[in-house]
Amino acid sequence: METSARLLELLSLLQTPREWTGAELAERLQVDARTIRRDIDKLRTLGYPVHAVAGAAGYRLGAGVKLPPLLLNDDEAVAVVVGLRTAAGGTIAGIEENSLQALAKLEQILPARLRHRVSALQAATVAMPASTAPVDPDVLTVIATAIRDHEQLRFDYRTHSDTLIRRTAEPHRLVHTGRHWYLVGWDLDRTDWRTYRVDRLHPRIPNGPRFTPREAPEVDLAGFVSRAVSTAPYRYRARITLEVSAAVAADRIPPTVGVLEAIDDQHCLLHTGSNSLDEIAVYVGLFGFGFRVHEPPELIAHLRALAHRLTAATSSQT
């Protein structure tokens, strides 16, 4: 193997998230340990921070002042291209142009065999445009940094009723439901766990003081967010048995609409909410499978009255 090709292969191995011993690298590249040491020195001369691991006679690649060439195998390259194309039409504002620029660079050097795979996948895929408000990537970065550094987050927040309020929270995690980004945090004013739509949140700089992280409200944070946004904010909270499995119901009901709880192979429980009884009645009625409402009593009475009106509307006139 030529020296330049071997250096690229060595750099590719060091880019994997593990530590390599000199013997392992020598075996993979089919050279002796002395050659590996010389090649490591060449990479360091080129500016790549290859660190020696104390006590293990090994090496790993650290973060440097410049981005090294990213060496990908076939499957990794296809995954990156598909991910960039998805990001170009995603829900994070401002990332589309950068995604397209990175995509153009990658597709320019993509081998023909991989270009055919990507083209076939693209031709077979139809993307539905997002109907949700985009999120500023800088806001996501500010929140993620505050979570990492355990710093209180101070922000202005526009509520569901379009009221602007000021909040201070201990940020815990970001959760993406597929339609919206949510922040889960401990609200210092309400002394309780809360969820916040990130597209309605505007951080106030600088952050607040550092804090000791609390125990998470639940192990299943996705379920916690789903319950918080689908039932808690609403006047009416419904509990409905659906005559299908939870897996079938999940294909029709997104986590921002309701929480599904499996009962058996043919039934599941839906927890959902709304400020309008009509909205719940129409939404559940259009699922296309049987259901039984347990609560609230207002919804049961509303469905009976609606059924009476619908029956009267279709009865023959005398």
C-alpha atoms as a PDB file:
ATOM      1  CA  MET A   1       0.000   0.000   0.000  1.00  0.00           C
ATOM      2  CA  GLU A   2       1.395   3.420  -0.944  1.00  0.00           C
ATOM      3  CA  THR A   3       2.221   5.805   1.910  1.00  0.00           C
ATOM      4  CA  SER A   4      -0.490   8.376   1.023  1.00  0.00           C
ATOM      5  CA  ALA A   5      -3.162   5.678   0.741  1.00  0.00           C
ATOM      6  CA  ARG A   6      -2.000   4.140   4.015  1.00  0.00           C
ATOM      7  CA  LEU A   7      -2.203   7.496   5.784  1.00  0.00           C
ATOM      8  CA  LEU A   8      -5.796   7.945   4.634  1.00  0.00           C
ATOM      9  CA  GLU A   9      -6.667   4.431   5.785  1.00  0.00           C
ATOM     10  CA  LEU A  10      -4.985   5.117   9.134  1.00  0.00           C
ATOM     11  CA  LEU A  11      -6.922   8.366   9.511  1.00  0.00           C
ATOM     12  CA  SER A  12     -10.137   6.508   8.695  1.00  0.00           C
ATOM     13  CA  LEU A  13      -9.471   3.953  11.437  1.00  0.00           C
ATOM     14  CA  LEU A  14      -8.662   6.662  13.983  1.00  0.00           C
ATOM     15  CA  GLN A  15     -11.944   8.437  13.198  1.00  0.00           C
ATOM     16  CA  THR A  16     -13.941   5.565  14.701  1.00  0.00           C
ATOM     17  CA  PRO A  17     -14.954   6.215  18.348  1.00  0.00           C
ATOM     18  CA  ARG A  18     -12.447   3.836  19.938  1.00  0.00           C
ATOM     19  CA  GLU A  19      -8.805   3.558  20.945  1.00  0.00           C
ATOM     20  CA  TRP A  20      -6.382   1.576  18.781  1.00  0.00           C
ATOM     21  CA  THR A  21      -3.192  -0.069  19.965  1.00  0.00           C
ATOM     22  CA  GLY A  22      -0.157   0.139  17.738  1.00  0.00           C
ATOM     23  CA  ALA A  23      -0.316  -3.630  17.212  1.00  0.00           C
ATOM     24  CA  GLU A  24      -3.971  -3.458  16.088  1.00  0.00           C
ATOM     25  CA  LEU A  25      -3.229  -0.686  13.596  1.00  0.00           C
ATOM     26  CA  ALA A  26      -0.180  -2.535  12.273  1.00  0.00           C
ATOM     27  CA  GLU A  27      -2.260  -5.680  11.738  1.00  0.00           C
ATOM     28  CA  ARG A  28      -5.071  -3.818   9.970  1.00  0.00           C
ATOM     29  CA  LEU A  29      -2.661  -1.989   7.656  1.00  0.00           C
ATOM     30  CA  GLN A  30      -0.287  -4.959   7.259  1.00  0.00           C
ATOM     31  CA  VAL A  31       2.827  -3.041   8.287  1.00  0.00           C
ATOM     32  CA  ASP A  32       5.138  -3.171  11.279  1.00  0.00           C
ATOM     33  CA  ALA A  33       4.849  -1.130  14.485  1.00  0.00           C
ATOM     34  CA  ARG A  34       7.713   1.186  13.461  1.00  0.00           C
ATOM     35  CA  THR A  35       5.817   2.191  10.294  1.00  0.00           C
ATOM     36  CA  ILE A  36       2.719   2.933  12.366  1.00  0.00           C
ATOM     37  CA  ARG A  37       4.731   5.247  14.637  1.00  0.00           C
ATOM     38  CA  ARG A  38       6.156   7.075  11.597  1.00  0.00           C
ATOM     39  CA  ASP A  39       2.691   7.433  10.062  1.00  0.00           C
ATOM     40  CA  ILE A  40       1.289   8.756  13.339  1.00  0.00           C
ATOM     41  CA  ASP A  41       4.044  11.377  13.385  1.00  0.00           C
ATOM     42  CA  LYS A  42       3.180  12.354   9.788  1.00  0.00           C
ATOM     43  CA  LEU A  43      -0.482  12.851  10.706  1.00  0.00           C
ATOM     44  CA  ARG A  44       0.553  15.022  13.645  1.00  0.00           C
ATOM     45  CA  THR A  45       2.802  17.064  11.342  1.00  0.00           C
ATOM     46  CA  LEU A  46      -0.207  17.608   9.064  1.00  0.00           C
ATOM     47  CA  GLY A  47      -2.103  19.055  12.033  1.00  0.00           C
ATOM     48  CA  TYR A  48      -4.240  16.092  13.123  1.00  0.00           C
ATOM     49  CA  PRO A  49      -4.216  15.669  16.934  1.00  0.00           C
ATOM     50  CA  VAL A  50      -3.466  11.974  17.378  1.00  0.00           C
ATOM     51  CA  HIS A  51      -3.232  11.403  21.123  1.00  0.00           C
ATOM     52  CA  ALA A  52      -1.304   8.621  22.788  1.00  0.00           C
ATOM     53  CA  VAL A  53      -3.426   6.830  25.376  1.00  0.00           C
ATOM     54  CA  ALA A  54      -1.569   6.609  28.665  1.00  0.00           C
ATOM     55  CA  GLY A  55      -1.039   3.106  29.967  1.00  0.00           C
ATOM     56  CA  ALA A  56      -2.584   1.410  26.938  1.00  0.00           C
ATOM     57  CA  ALA A  57       0.124   2.006  24.302  1.00  0.00           C
ATOM     58  CA  GLY A  58      -2.714   3.105  22.043  1.00  0.00           C
ATOM     59  CA  TYR A  59      -3.896   6.018  19.949  1.00  0.00           C
ATOM     60  CA  ARG A  60      -7.056   8.023  19.389  1.00  0.00           C
ATOM     61  CA  LEU A  61      -7.932  11.067  17.307  1.00  0.00           C
ATOM     62  CA  GLY A  62      -8.843  14.163  19.287  1.00  0.00           C
ATOM     63  CA  ALA A  63     -10.534  17.433  18.366  1.00  0.00           C
ATOM     64  CA  GLY A  64      -8.246  19.837  16.541  1.00  0.00           C
ATOM     65  CA  VAL A  65      -8.265  23.311  15.075  1.00  0.00           C
ATOM     66  CA  LYS A  66      -9.403  22.087  11.668  1.00  0.00           C
ATOM     67  CA  LEU A  67     -11.779  19.436  10.406  1.00  0.00           C
ATOM     68  CA  PRO A  68      -9.955  16.405   8.993  1.00  0.00           C
ATOM     69  CA  PRO A  69     -11.194  14.743   5.799  1.00  0.00           C
ATOM     70  CA  LEU A  70     -14.169  12.571   6.712  1.00  0.00           C
ATOM     71  CA  LEU A  71     -13.688   9.056   5.387  1.00  0.00           C
ATOM     72  CA  LEU A  72     -16.919   7.066   5.040  1.00  0.00           C
ATOM     73  CA  ASN A  73     -17.762   3.561   3.917  1.00  0.00           C
ATOM     74  CA  ASP A  74     -20.518   3.000   1.336  1.00  0.00           C
ATOM     75  CA  ASP A  75     -23.417   2.653   3.786  1.00  0.00           C
ATOM     76  CA  GLU A  76     -22.257   5.635   5.842  1.00  0.00           C
ATOM     77  CA  ALA A  77     -21.998   7.823   2.724  1.00  0.00           C
ATOM     78  CA  VAL A  78     -25.526   6.911   1.603  1.00  0.00           C
ATOM     79  CA  ALA A  79     -26.860   7.583   5.121  1.00  0.00           C
ATOM     80  CA  VAL A  80     -25.224  11.030   5.212  1.00  0.00           C
ATOM     81  CA  VAL A  81     -26.604  11.985   1.780  1.00  0.00           C
ATOM     82  CA  VAL A  82     -30.131  10.901   2.723  1.00  0.00           C
ATOM     83  CA  GLY A  83     -29.837  12.740   6.047  1.00  0.00           C
ATOM     84  CA  LEU A  84     -28.696  15.950   4.359  1.00  0.00           C
ATOM     85  CA  ARG A  85     -31.548  15.798   1.855  1.00  0.00           C
ATOM     86  CA  THR A  86     -33.997  15.314   4.707  1.00  0.00           C
ATOM     87  CA  ALA A  87     -32.468  18.207   6.664  1.00  0.00           C
ATOM     88  CA  ALA A  88     -32.763  20.447   3.601  1.00  0.00           C
ATOM     89  CA  GLY A  89     -36.538  20.246   3.950  1.00  0.00           C
ATOM     90  CA  GLY A  90     -36.727  19.862   7.713  1.00  0.00           C
ATOM     91  CA  THR A  91     -38.158  21.807  10.632  1.00  0.00           C
ATOM     92  CA  ILE A  92     -34.983  23.657  11.685  1.00  0.00           C
ATOM     93  CA  ALA A  93     -34.940  27.123  10.146  1.00  0.00           C
ATOM     94  CA  GLY A  94     -31.774  28.215   8.366  1.00  0.00           C
ATOM     95  CA  ILE A  95     -30.229  24.772   8.101  1.00  0.00           C
ATOM     96  CA  GLU A  96     -31.597  24.143   4.608  1.00  0.00           C
ATOM     97  CA  GLU A  97     -28.951  26.184   2.749  1.00  0.00           C
ATOM     98  CA  ASN A  98     -26.054  24.707   4.720  1.00  0.00           C
ATOM     99  CA  SER A  99     -27.444  21.216   4.166  1.00  0.00           C
ATOM    100  CA  LEU A 100     -27.671  21.810   0.423  1.00  0.00           C
ATOM    101  CA  GLN A 101     -24.097  23.140   0.292  1.00  0.00           C
ATOM    102  CA  ALA A 102     -22.766  20.106   2.162  1.00  0.00           C
ATOM    103  CA  LEU A 103     -24.903  17.841  -0.027  1.00  0.00           C
ATOM    104  CA  ALA A 104     -23.496  19.385  -3.208  1.00  0.00           C
ATOM    105  CA  LYS A 105     -19.932  18.793  -2.015  1.00  0.00           C
ATOM    106  CA  LEU A 106     -20.638  15.185  -1.116  1.00  0.00           C
ATOM    107  CA  GLU A 107     -22.579  14.298  -4.266  1.00  0.00           C
ATOM    108  CA  GLN A 108     -19.798  15.770  -6.432  1.00  0.00           C
ATOM    109  CA  ILE A 109     -17.323  13.133  -5.210  1.00  0.00           C
ATOM    110  CA  LEU A 110     -19.797  10.291  -4.671  1.00  0.00           C
ATOM    111  CA  PRO A 111     -18.831   7.142  -6.639  1.00  0.00           C
ATOM    112  CA  ALA A 112     -21.225   6.138  -9.423  1.00  0.00           C
ATOM    113  CA  ARG A 113     -22.349   2.982  -7.610  1.00  0.00           C
ATOM    114  CA  LEU A 114     -23.421   5.021  -4.577  1.00  0.00           C
ATOM    115  CA  ARG A 115     -24.962   7.771  -6.694  1.00  0.00           C
ATOM    116  CA  HIS A 116     -27.215   5.147  -8.271  1.00  0.00           C
ATOM    117  CA  ARG A 117     -28.313   3.905  -4.822  1.00  0.00           C
ATOM    118  CA  VAL A 118     -29.120   7.422  -3.641  1.00  0.00           C
ATOM    119  CA  SER A 119     -30.942   8.265  -6.892  1.00  0.00           C
ATOM    120  CA  ALA A 120     -33.056   5.114  -6.666  1.00  0.00           C
ATOM    121  CA  LEU A 121     -34.022   5.943  -3.086  1.00  0.00           C
ATOM    122  CA  GLN A 122     -34.794   9.543  -4.004  1.00  0.00           C
ATOM    123  CA  ALA A 123     -36.930   8.526  -6.989  1.00  0.00           C
ATOM    124  CA  ALA A 124     -38.963   6.148  -4.837  1.00  0.00           C
ATOM    125  CA  THR A 125     -39.559   8.676  -2.056  1.00  0.00           C
ATOM    126  CA  VAL A 126     -42.128  11.473  -1.847  1.00  0.00           C
ATOM    127  CA  ALA A 127     -41.588  14.004   0.945  1.00  0.00           C
ATOM    128  CA  MET A 128     -44.593  15.736   2.478  1.00  0.00           C
ATOM    129  CA  PRO A 129     -43.916  19.408   3.252  1.00  0.00           C
ATOM    130  CA  ALA A 130     -43.801  20.247   6.934  1.00  0.00           C
ATOM    131  CA  SER A 131     -46.771  22.296   8.134  1.00  0.00           C
ATOM    132  CA  THR A 132     -45.128  23.256  11.396  1.00  0.00           C
ATOM    133  CA  ALA A 133     -43.269  26.360  12.497  1.00  0.00           C
ATOM    134  CA  PRO A 134     -39.490  26.020  11.941  1.00  0.00           C
ATOM    135  CA  VAL A 135     -37.064  26.230  14.842  1.00  0.00           C
ATOM    136  CA  ASP A 136     -34.069  28.554  14.896  1.00  0.00           C
ATOM    137  CA  PRO A 137     -30.930  26.336  15.121  1.00  0.00           C
ATOM    138  CA  ASP A 138     -29.246  28.977  17.304  1.00  0.00           C
ATOM    139  CA  VAL A 139     -32.038  28.563  19.854  1.00  0.00           C
ATOM    140  CA  LEU A 140     -31.532  24.788  19.855  1.00  0.00           C
ATOM    141  CA  THR A 141     -27.820  25.335  20.370  1.00  0.00           C
ATOM    142  CA  VAL A 142     -28.371  27.725  23.293  1.00  0.00           C
ATOM    143  CA  ILE A 143     -30.738  25.251  24.958  1.00  0.00           C
ATOM    144  CA  ALA A 144     -28.457  22.261  24.359  1.00  0.00           C
ATOM    145  CA  THR A 145     -25.491  24.181  25.801  1.00  0.00           C
ATOM    146  CA  ALA A 146     -27.481  25.135  28.906  1.00  0.00           C
ATOM    147  CA  ILE A 147     -28.480  21.478  29.358  1.00  0.00           C
ATOM    148  CA  ARG A 148     -24.865  20.359  28.988  1.00  0.00           C
ATOM    149  CA  ASP A 149     -23.494  23.014  31.369  1.00  0.00           C
ATOM    150  CA  HIS A 150     -26.365  22.700  33.907  1.00  0.00           C
ATOM    151  CA  GLU A 151     -27.193  26.420  33.654  1.00  0.00           C
ATOM    152  CA  GLN A 152     -30.614  27.904  34.311  1.00  0.00           C
ATOM    153  CA  LEU A 153     -32.349  29.057  31.141  1.00  0.00           C
ATOM    154  CA  ARG A 154     -34.183  32.384  31.136  1.00  0.00           C
ATOM    155  CA  PHE A 155     -36.542  32.973  28.230  1.00  0.00           C
ATOM    156  CA  ASP A 156     -39.615  34.705  26.874  1.00  0.00           C
ATOM    157  CA  TYR A 157     -42.382  32.256  25.972  1.00  0.00           C
ATOM    158  CA  ARG A 158     -45.490  32.672  23.831  1.00  0.00           C
ATOM    159  CA  THR A 159     -48.273  30.517  25.249  1.00  0.00           C
ATOM    160  CA  HIS A 160     -50.989  28.611  23.413  1.00  0.00           C
ATOM    161  CA  SER A 161     -53.290  31.596  23.976  1.00  0.00           C
ATOM    162  CA  ASP A 162     -50.684  33.919  22.367  1.00  0.00           C
ATOM    163  CA  THR A 163     -49.712  35.537  25.684  1.00  0.00           C
ATOM    164  CA  LEU A 164     -46.043  36.465  26.124  1.00  0.00           C
ATOM    165  CA  ILE A 165     -44.647  35.431  29.514  1.00  0.00           C
ATOM    166  CA  ARG A 166     -41.193  35.245  31.052  1.00  0.00           C
ATOM    167  CA  ARG A 167     -39.908  31.959  32.443  1.00  0.00           C
ATOM    168  CA  THR A 168     -36.832  30.591  34.217  1.00  0.00           C
ATOM    169  CA  ALA A 169     -36.215  26.858  34.089  1.00  0.00           C
ATOM    170  CA  GLU A 170     -33.595  24.226  34.752  1.00  0.00           C
ATOM    171  CA  PRO A 171     -33.389  22.638  31.278  1.00  0.00           C
ATOM    172  CA  HIS A 172     -33.272  18.847  31.238  1.00  0.00           C
ATOM    173  CA  ARG A 173     -33.714  17.461  27.695  1.00  0.00           C
ATOM    174  CA  LEU A 174     -34.848  18.359  24.186  1.00  0.00           C
ATOM    175  CA  VAL A 175     -37.511  16.055  22.693  1.00  0.00           C
ATOM    176  CA  HIS A 176     -38.442  15.959  19.008  1.00  0.00           C
ATOM    177  CA  THR A 177     -41.871  14.478  18.261  1.00  0.00           C
ATOM    178  CA  GLY A 178     -41.499  14.526  14.480  1.00  0.00           C
ATOM    179  CA  ARG A 179     -43.546  17.733  14.194  1.00  0.00           C
ATOM    180  CA  HIS A 180     -42.242  19.951  16.993  1.00  0.00           C
ATOM    181  CA  TRP A 181     -39.234  20.382  19.267  1.00  0.00           C
ATOM    182  CA  TYR A 182     -39.986  20.522  23.001  1.00  0.00           C
ATOM    183  CA  LEU A 183     -37.867  21.448  26.003  1.00  0.00           C
ATOM    184  CA  VAL A 184     -38.440  19.494  29.207  1.00  0.00           C
ATOM    185  CA  GLY A 185     -37.373  21.476  32.267  1.00  0.00           C
ATOM    186  CA  TRP A 186     -38.022  22.258  35.901  1.00  0.00           C
ATOM    187  CA  ASP A 187     -39.972  25.538  36.028  1.00  0.00           C
ATOM    188  CA  LEU A 188     -38.619  27.560  38.958  1.00  0.00           C
ATOM    189  CA  ASP A 189     -41.737  29.732  39.236  1.00  0.00           C
ATOM    190  CA  ARG A 190     -44.201  26.850  39.172  1.00  0.00           C
ATOM    191  CA  THR A 191     -41.852  24.470  41.052  1.00  0.00           C
ATOM    192  CA  ASP A 192     -42.806  21.637  38.735  1.00  0.00           C
ATOM    193  CA  TRP A 193     -41.741  19.909  35.526  1.00  0.00           C
ATOM    194  CA  ARG A 194     -43.007  21.589  32.359  1.00  0.00           C
ATOM    195  CA  THR A 195     -42.710  21.231  28.588  1.00  0.00           C
ATOM    196  CA  TYR A 196     -42.171  24.186  26.240  1.00  0.00           C
ATOM    197  CA  ARG A 197     -42.513  24.387  22.464  1.00  0.00           C
ATOM    198  CA  VAL A 198     -39.091  25.514  21.259  1.00  0.00           C
ATOM    199  CA  ASP A 199     -40.474  27.515  18.312  1.00  0.00           C
ATOM    200  CA  ARG A 200     -42.349  29.665  20.875  1.00  0.00           C
ATOM    201  CA  LEU A 201     -39.270  30.182  23.055  1.00  0.00           C
ATOM    202  CA  HIS A 202     -36.798  33.070  22.882  1.00  0.00           C
ATOM    203  CA  PRO A 203     -33.772  32.751  25.222  1.00  0.00           C
ATOM    204  CA  ARG A 204     -32.633  35.743  27.238  1.00  0.00           C
ATOM    205  CA  ILE A 205     -28.862  36.051  27.395  1.00  0.00           C
ATOM    206  CA  PRO A 206     -26.927  35.441  29.582  1.00  0.00           C
ATOM    207  CA  ASN A 207     -28.085  32.204  31.169  1.00  0.00           C
ATOM    208  CA  GLY A 208     -28.779  31.977  34.869  1.00  0.00           C
ATOM    209  CA  PRO A 209     -26.583  30.328  37.524  1.00  0.00           C
ATOM    210  CA  ARG A 210     -25.529  26.695  37.468  1.00  0.00           C
ATOM    211  CA  PHE A 211     -27.742  24.092  39.136  1.00  0.00           C
ATOM    212  CA  THR A 212     -27.542  20.501  40.321  1.00  0.00           C
ATOM    213  CA  PRO A 213     -29.583  18.342  37.899  1.00  0.00           C
ATOM    214  CA  ARG A 214     -32.762  16.847  39.298  1.00  0.00           C
ATOM    215  CA  GLU A 215     -33.978  13.315  38.754  1.00  0.00           C
ATOM    216  CA  ALA A 216     -35.976  13.111  35.511  1.00  0.00           C
ATOM    217  CA  PRO A 217     -39.772  13.305  35.882  1.00  0.00           C
ATOM    218  CA  GLU A 218     -40.065   9.946  34.097  1.00  0.00           C
ATOM    219  CA  VAL A 219     -37.790   7.424  32.467  1.00  0.00           C
ATOM    220  CA  ASP A 220     -39.885   7.710  29.293  1.00  0.00           C
ATOM    221  CA  LEU A 221     -39.452  11.403  28.481  1.00  0.00           C
ATOM    222  CA  ALA A 222     -41.144  10.989  25.094  1.00  0.00           C
ATOM    223  CA  GLY A 223     -44.257   9.670  26.845  1.00  0.00           C
ATOM    224  CA  PHE A 224     -44.073  12.484  29.384  1.00  0.00           C
ATOM    225  CA  VAL A 225     -44.024  15.082  26.589  1.00  0.00           C
ATOM    226  CA  SER A 226     -46.810  13.298  24.716  1.00  0.00           C
ATOM    227  CA  ARG A 227     -49.097  13.427  27.760  1.00  0.00           C
ATOM    228  CA  ALA A 228     -48.151  17.019  28.505  1.00  0.00           C
ATOM    229  CA  VAL A 229     -49.006  18.315  25.029  1.00  0.00           C
ATOM    230  CA  SER A 230     -51.973  16.071  24.183  1.00  0.00           C
ATOM    231  CA  THR A 231     -54.059  16.176  27.375  1.00  0.00           C
ATOM    232  CA  ALA A 232     -52.748  18.431  30.162  1.00  0.00           C
ATOM    233  CA  PRO A 233     -53.300  21.866  28.520  1.00  0.00           C
ATOM    234  CA  TYR A 234     -56.924  21.256  27.576  1.00  0.00           C
ATOM    235  CA  ARG A 235     -60.314  21.759  29.195  1.00  0.00           C
ATOM    236  CA  TYR A 236     -61.563  18.265  28.273  1.00  0.00           C
ATOM    237  CA  ARG A 237     -59.428  15.187  28.858  1.00  0.00           C
ATOM    238  CA  ALA A 238     -60.762  12.068  27.224  1.00  0.00           C
ATOM    239  CA  ARG A 239     -60.152   8.380  27.901  1.00  0.00           C
ATOM    240  CA  ILE A 240     -61.279   6.189  25.017  1.00  0.00           C
ATOM    241  CA  THR A 241     -60.931   2.472  24.288  1.00  0.00           C
ATOM    242  CA  LEU A 242     -60.078   1.807  20.641  1.00  0.00           C
ATOM    243  CA  GLU A 243     -60.957  -1.577  19.104  1.00  0.00           C
ATOM    244  CA  VAL A 244     -57.541  -2.037  17.494  1.00  0.00           C
ATOM    245  CA  SER A 245     -54.070  -2.813  18.791  1.00  0.00           C
ATOM    246  CA  ALA A 246     -51.795  -0.023  19.966  1.00  0.00           C
ATOM    247  CA  ALA A 247     -49.504  -0.683  16.972  1.00  0.00           C
ATOM    248  CA  VAL A 248     -52.366  -0.142  14.493  1.00  0.00           C
ATOM    249  CA  ALA A 249     -53.602   2.951  16.326  1.00  0.00           C
ATOM    250  CA  ALA A 250     -50.076   4.445  16.377  1.00  0.00           C
ATOM    251  CA  ASP A 251     -50.109   4.547  12.569  1.00  0.00           C
ATOM    252  CA  ARG A 252     -53.033   6.987  12.720  1.00  0.00           C
ATOM    253  CA  ILE A 253     -52.466   8.890  15.949  1.00  0.00           C
ATOM    254  CA  PRO A 254     -49.261  10.987  16.377  1.00  0.00           C
ATOM    255  CA  PRO A 255     -47.806  11.433  19.892  1.00  0.00           C
ATOM    256  CA  THR A 256     -48.794  15.117  19.915  1.00  0.00           C
ATOM    257  CA  VAL A 257     -52.484  14.123  19.631  1.00  0.00           C
ATOM    258  CA  GLY A 258     -52.753  11.426  22.265  1.00  0.00           C
ATOM    259  CA  VAL A 259     -51.065   8.785  24.384  1.00  0.00           C
ATOM    260  CA  LEU A 260     -51.754   5.133  23.556  1.00  0.00           C
ATOM    261  CA  GLU A 261     -51.793   2.406  26.196  1.00  0.00           C
ATOM    262  CA  ALA A 262     -51.922  -1.233  25.078  1.00  0.00           C
ATOM    263  CA  ILE A 263     -54.687  -3.415  26.563  1.00  0.00           C
ATOM    264  CA  ASP A 264     -54.407  -6.590  24.473  1.00  0.00           C
ATOM    265  CA  ASP A 265     -53.843  -7.596  20.842  1.00  0.00           C
ATOM    266  CA  GLN A 266     -57.185  -6.105  19.767  1.00  0.00           C
ATOM    267  CA  HIS A 267     -57.700  -3.132  22.067  1.00  0.00           C
ATOM    268  CA  CYS A 268     -55.830  -0.100  23.350  1.00  0.00           C
ATOM    269  CA  LEU A 269     -56.590   2.967  25.444  1.00  0.00           C
ATOM    270  CA  LEU A 270     -56.303   6.492  24.051  1.00  0.00           C
ATOM    271  CA  HIS A 271     -55.720   9.486  26.329  1.00  0.00           C
ATOM    272  CA  THR A 272     -56.314  12.745  24.486  1.00  0.00           C
ATOM    273  CA  GLY A 273     -57.674  16.215  25.073  1.00  0.00           C
ATOM    274  CA  SER A 274     -59.123  19.345  23.508  1.00  0.00           C
ATOM    275  CA  ASN A 275     -60.932  22.549  24.368  1.00  0.00           C
ATOM    276  CA  SER A 276     -63.692  21.482  21.971  1.00  0.00           C
ATOM    277  CA  LEU A 277     -65.954  18.434  22.366  1.00  0.00           C
ATOM    278  CA  ASP A 278     -66.738  18.602  18.656  1.00  0.00           C
ATOM    279  CA  GLU A 279     -63.046  18.349  17.818  1.00  0.00           C
ATOM    280  CA  ILE A 280     -62.622  15.148  19.848  1.00  0.00           C
ATOM    281  CA  ALA A 281     -65.856  13.643  18.494  1.00  0.00           C
ATOM    282  CA  VAL A 282     -65.009  14.291  14.853  1.00  0.00           C
ATOM    283  CA  TYR A 283     -61.355  13.292  15.181  1.00  0.00           C
ATOM    284  CA  VAL A 284     -62.054   9.968  16.887  1.00  0.00           C
ATOM    285  CA  GLY A 285     -65.033   9.261  14.644  1.00  0.00           C
ATOM    286  CA  LEU A 286     -62.861   9.548  11.525  1.00  0.00           C
ATOM    287  CA  PHE A 287     -60.316   6.943  12.652  1.00  0.00           C
ATOM    288  CA  GLY A 288     -62.283   4.239  10.874  1.00  0.00           C
ATOM    289  CA  PHE A 289     -62.364   1.726  13.724  1.00  0.00           C
ATOM    290  CA  GLY A 290     -64.631   1.108  16.698  1.00  0.00           C
ATOM    291  CA  PHE A 291     -64.240   2.952  19.984  1.00  0.00           C
ATOM    292  CA  ARG A 292     -65.875   3.375  23.381  1.00  0.00           C
ATOM    293  CA  VAL A 293     -65.699   6.606  25.396  1.00  0.00           C
ATOM    294  CA  HIS A 294     -65.187   6.355  29.173  1.00  0.00           C
ATOM    295  CA  GLU A 295     -64.729  10.011  30.064  1.00  0.00           C
ATOM    296  CA  PRO A 296     -65.376  12.890  30.335  1.00  0.00           C
ATOM    297  CA  PRO A 297     -69.161  12.647  30.843  1.00  0.00           C
ATOM    298  CA  GLU A 298     -69.598  15.821  28.747  1.00  0.00           C
ATOM    299  CA  LEU A 299     -68.132  14.019  25.740  1.00  0.00           C
ATOM    300  CA  ILE A 300     -70.429  11.010  26.219  1.00  0.00           C
ATOM    301  CA  ALA A 301     -73.485  13.272  26.319  1.00  0.00           C
ATOM    302  CA  HIS A 302     -72.199  15.249  23.347  1.00  0.00           C
ATOM    303  CA  LEU A 303     -71.711  12.105  21.255  1.00  0.00           C
ATOM    304  CA  ARG A 304     -75.245  10.909  22.066  1.00  0.00           C
ATOM    305  CA  ALA A 305     -76.701  14.243  20.977  1.00  0.00           C
ATOM    306  CA  LEU A 306     -74.542  14.233  17.836  1.00  0.00           C
ATOM    307  CA  ALA A 307     -75.609  10.673  16.997  1.00  0.00           C
ATOM    308  CA  HIS A 308     -79.272  11.683  17.375  1.00  0.00           C
ATOM    309  CA  ARG A 309     -78.827  14.634  15.016  1.00  0.00           C
ATOM    310  CA  LEU A 310     -76.998  12.526  12.448  1.00  0.00           C
ATOM    311  CA  THR A 311     -79.657   9.812  12.583  1.00  0.00           C
ATOM    312  CA  ALA A 312     -82.386  12.382  12.163  1.00  0.00           C
ATOM    313  CA  ALA A 313     -80.575  13.897   9.208  1.00  0.00           C
ATOM    314  CA  THR A 314     -80.504  10.573   7.356  1.00  0.00           C
ATOM    315  CA  SER A 315     -84.012   9.319   8.221  1.00  0.00           C
ATOM    316  CA  SER A 316     -86.652   9.323   5.440  1.00  0.00           C
ATOM    317  CA  GLN A 317     -88.963  12.311   5.322  1.00  0.00           C
ATOM    318  CA  THR A 318     -92.746  11.694   5.615  1.00  0.00           C
END
